[in-house]
């Protein structure tokens, strides 16, 4: 077969592999001063930038109450 036929197929495969492998899923839990879970955010999957925004949202919403946000990657 012609080499030109394989180049687009390989390109699509590589792009698909790269974009899907960079997606991570996280869950954030807001805890009060006593360490009691007060709110569990729904799981968020996305790129590093999206996850960063997700964790900042938790910290901004509950940091004013002196609570902590514990965000961890889910399997």
N, C-alpha and C. Protein backbone atom coordinates (compact mmCIF):
# COMPACT_ATOMS: atom_id res chain seq x y z
N UNK A 1 0.82 -1.19 0.00
CA UNK A 1 0.00 0.00 0.00
C UNK A 1 0.87 1.26 0.00
N UNK A 2 0.21 2.33 -0.24
CA UNK A 2 0.88 3.61 -0.32
C UNK A 2 1.21 4.14 1.08
N UNK A 3 2.38 4.74 1.24
CA UNK A 3 2.79 5.29 2.53
C UNK A 3 1.90 6.44 2.97
N UNK A 4 1.36 7.17 2.04
CA UNK A 4 0.49 8.31 2.38
C UNK A 4 -0.77 7.84 3.11
N UNK A 5 -1.15 6.64 2.91
CA UNK A 5 -2.33 6.08 3.56
C UNK A 5 -2.08 5.89 5.06
N UNK A 6 -0.88 5.50 5.45
CA UNK A 6 -0.56 5.20 6.84
C UNK A 6 -0.32 6.44 7.69
N UNK A 7 0.15 7.51 7.13
CA UNK A 7 0.49 8.71 7.91
C UNK A 7 -0.72 9.27 8.66
N UNK A 8 -1.89 9.47 8.02
CA UNK A 8 -3.04 9.97 8.80
C UNK A 8 -3.51 8.99 9.88
N UNK A 9 -3.43 7.71 9.60
CA UNK A 9 -3.85 6.72 10.59
C UNK A 9 -2.93 6.76 11.80
N UNK A 10 -1.65 6.81 11.57
CA UNK A 10 -0.69 6.88 12.67
C UNK A 10 -0.87 8.18 13.44
N UNK A 11 -1.09 9.29 12.76
CA UNK A 11 -1.28 10.58 13.42
C UNK A 11 -2.51 10.54 14.33
N UNK A 12 -3.61 10.01 13.85
CA UNK A 12 -4.82 9.92 14.67
C UNK A 12 -4.57 9.03 15.88
N UNK A 13 -3.91 7.93 15.70
CA UNK A 13 -3.62 7.03 16.81
C UNK A 13 -2.77 7.72 17.88
N UNK A 14 -1.72 8.39 17.46
CA UNK A 14 -0.83 9.08 18.41
C UNK A 14 -1.58 10.19 19.14
N UNK A 15 -2.34 11.00 18.44
CA UNK A 15 -3.08 12.08 19.08
C UNK A 15 -4.12 11.55 20.06
N UNK A 16 -4.79 10.50 19.70
CA UNK A 16 -5.77 9.89 20.60
C UNK A 16 -5.11 9.35 21.86
N UNK A 17 -3.99 8.70 21.71
CA UNK A 17 -3.27 8.15 22.84
C UNK A 17 -2.77 9.25 23.77
N UNK A 18 -2.21 10.29 23.21
CA UNK A 18 -1.66 11.39 24.02
C UNK A 18 -2.76 12.13 24.76
N UNK A 19 -3.86 12.45 24.10
CA UNK A 19 -4.91 13.24 24.75
C UNK A 19 -5.66 12.44 25.80
N UNK A 20 -5.85 11.17 25.63
CA UNK A 20 -6.57 10.39 26.63
C UNK A 20 -5.69 9.99 27.80
N UNK A 21 -4.41 9.88 27.60
CA UNK A 21 -3.53 9.48 28.70
C UNK A 21 -3.25 10.62 29.67
N UNK A 22 -3.52 11.85 29.28
CA UNK A 22 -3.26 12.99 30.14
C UNK A 22 -4.44 13.31 31.06
N UNK A 23 -5.54 12.61 30.91
CA UNK A 23 -6.72 12.86 31.71
C UNK A 23 -6.61 12.13 33.04
N UNK A 24 -6.79 12.87 34.12
CA UNK A 24 -6.76 12.30 35.46
C UNK A 24 -8.08 12.63 36.14
N UNK A 25 -8.44 11.83 37.13
CA UNK A 25 -9.67 12.07 37.89
C UNK A 25 -9.32 12.32 39.35
N UNK A 26 -9.94 13.35 39.93
CA UNK A 26 -9.70 13.72 41.31
C UNK A 26 -11.02 13.91 42.05
N UNK A 27 -10.97 13.77 43.37
CA UNK A 27 -12.10 14.08 44.24
C UNK A 27 -11.56 14.93 45.38
N UNK A 28 -12.26 16.01 45.68
CA UNK A 28 -11.88 16.89 46.79
C UNK A 28 -12.87 16.74 47.93
N UNK A 29 -12.33 16.76 49.15
CA UNK A 29 -13.15 16.66 50.36
C UNK A 29 -12.84 17.87 51.23
N UNK A 30 -13.89 18.61 51.60
CA UNK A 30 -13.74 19.76 52.50
C UNK A 30 -13.89 19.24 53.93
N UNK A 31 -12.89 19.54 54.77
CA UNK A 31 -12.89 19.09 56.16
C UNK A 31 -12.85 20.31 57.09
N UNK A 32 -13.58 20.21 58.19
CA UNK A 32 -13.59 21.31 59.16
C UNK A 32 -12.35 21.24 60.05
N UNK A 33 -12.32 22.11 61.06
CA UNK A 33 -11.14 22.20 61.93
C UNK A 33 -10.89 20.91 62.71
N UNK A 34 -11.95 20.13 62.94
CA UNK A 34 -11.81 18.87 63.68
C UNK A 34 -11.48 17.69 62.77
N UNK A 35 -11.34 17.94 61.48
CA UNK A 35 -11.01 16.88 60.53
C UNK A 35 -12.22 16.07 60.08
N UNK A 36 -13.43 16.59 60.35
CA UNK A 36 -14.65 15.90 59.94
C UNK A 36 -14.99 16.29 58.50
N UNK A 37 -15.28 15.29 57.68
CA UNK A 37 -15.67 15.55 56.29
C UNK A 37 -16.99 16.30 56.28
N UNK A 38 -17.00 17.49 55.68
CA UNK A 38 -18.22 18.29 55.62
C UNK A 38 -18.84 18.32 54.23
N UNK A 39 -18.02 18.20 53.20
CA UNK A 39 -18.55 18.20 51.84
C UNK A 39 -17.61 17.43 50.94
N UNK A 40 -18.17 16.53 50.15
CA UNK A 40 -17.38 15.77 49.18
C UNK A 40 -17.78 16.24 47.79
N UNK A 41 -16.83 16.83 47.10
CA UNK A 41 -17.08 17.28 45.74
C UNK A 41 -17.25 16.07 44.82
N UNK A 42 -18.04 16.20 43.77
CA UNK A 42 -18.13 15.10 42.80
C UNK A 42 -16.79 14.91 42.08
N UNK A 43 -16.57 13.70 41.63
CA UNK A 43 -15.33 13.40 40.92
C UNK A 43 -15.20 14.28 39.68
N UNK A 44 -14.00 14.80 39.47
CA UNK A 44 -13.71 15.65 38.31
C UNK A 44 -12.56 15.04 37.53
N UNK A 45 -12.77 14.84 36.25
CA UNK A 45 -11.73 14.32 35.38
C UNK A 45 -11.35 15.40 34.37
N UNK A 46 -10.06 15.50 34.09
CA UNK A 46 -9.62 16.49 33.11
C UNK A 46 -8.12 16.59 33.04
N UNK A 47 -7.70 17.64 32.38
CA UNK A 47 -6.27 17.90 32.24
C UNK A 47 -5.73 18.50 33.52
N UNK A 48 -4.43 18.69 33.59
CA UNK A 48 -3.81 19.28 34.78
C UNK A 48 -4.40 20.66 35.08
N UNK A 49 -4.64 21.44 34.06
CA UNK A 49 -5.19 22.79 34.26
C UNK A 49 -6.61 22.72 34.83
N UNK A 50 -7.44 21.82 34.32
CA UNK A 50 -8.80 21.67 34.81
C UNK A 50 -8.81 21.19 36.26
N UNK A 51 -7.91 20.28 36.59
CA UNK A 51 -7.82 19.78 37.96
C UNK A 51 -7.34 20.88 38.89
N UNK A 52 -6.41 21.69 38.44
CA UNK A 52 -5.93 22.81 39.24
C UNK A 52 -7.07 23.78 39.55
N UNK A 53 -7.89 24.09 38.56
CA UNK A 53 -9.04 24.96 38.78
C UNK A 53 -10.04 24.33 39.75
N UNK A 54 -10.21 23.03 39.66
CA UNK A 54 -11.12 22.29 40.53
C UNK A 54 -10.66 22.37 41.99
N UNK A 55 -9.36 22.18 42.23
CA UNK A 55 -8.86 22.24 43.59
C UNK A 55 -8.89 23.67 44.13
N UNK A 56 -8.60 24.65 43.27
CA UNK A 56 -8.67 26.04 43.69
C UNK A 56 -10.09 26.44 44.07
N UNK A 57 -11.07 25.89 43.36
CA UNK A 57 -12.47 26.18 43.67
C UNK A 57 -12.82 25.70 45.08
N UNK A 58 -12.38 24.51 45.42
CA UNK A 58 -12.63 23.97 46.76
C UNK A 58 -11.95 24.83 47.82
N UNK A 59 -10.69 25.18 47.58
CA UNK A 59 -9.95 25.99 48.55
C UNK A 59 -10.56 27.37 48.72
N UNK A 60 -11.04 27.96 47.65
CA UNK A 60 -11.65 29.29 47.72
C UNK A 60 -12.98 29.23 48.45
N UNK A 61 -13.76 28.19 48.22
CA UNK A 61 -15.09 28.10 48.84
C UNK A 61 -15.01 27.80 50.33
N UNK A 62 -14.09 26.94 50.73
CA UNK A 62 -14.06 26.51 52.13
C UNK A 62 -12.88 27.05 52.92
N UNK A 63 -11.92 27.66 52.27
CA UNK A 63 -10.79 28.23 52.99
C UNK A 63 -11.19 29.39 53.88
N UNK A 64 -12.25 30.10 53.51
CA UNK A 64 -12.71 31.23 54.32
C UNK A 64 -13.31 30.76 55.65
N UNK A 65 -13.69 29.48 55.75
CA UNK A 65 -14.22 28.93 57.00
C UNK A 65 -13.13 28.29 57.84
N UNK A 66 -11.89 28.42 57.42
CA UNK A 66 -10.77 27.76 58.09
C UNK A 66 -10.83 26.25 57.95
N UNK A 67 -11.45 25.79 56.87
CA UNK A 67 -11.50 24.36 56.58
C UNK A 67 -10.40 24.04 55.59
N UNK A 68 -10.10 22.77 55.47
CA UNK A 68 -9.09 22.35 54.50
C UNK A 68 -9.74 21.55 53.39
N UNK A 69 -9.13 21.58 52.24
CA UNK A 69 -9.57 20.77 51.12
C UNK A 69 -8.51 19.74 50.81
N UNK A 70 -8.90 18.51 50.87
CA UNK A 70 -7.99 17.41 50.56
C UNK A 70 -8.41 16.82 49.23
N UNK A 71 -7.59 17.04 48.21
CA UNK A 71 -7.90 16.55 46.86
C UNK A 71 -6.94 15.42 46.52
N UNK A 72 -7.51 14.31 46.08
CA UNK A 72 -6.66 13.17 45.74
C UNK A 72 -7.14 12.52 44.46
N UNK A 73 -6.21 11.89 43.80
CA UNK A 73 -6.52 11.22 42.53
C UNK A 73 -7.30 9.94 42.81
N UNK A 74 -8.33 9.72 42.02
CA UNK A 74 -9.14 8.51 42.14
C UNK A 74 -8.71 7.52 41.08
N UNK A 75 -8.96 6.28 41.35
CA UNK A 75 -8.57 5.22 40.42
C UNK A 75 -9.67 4.92 39.44
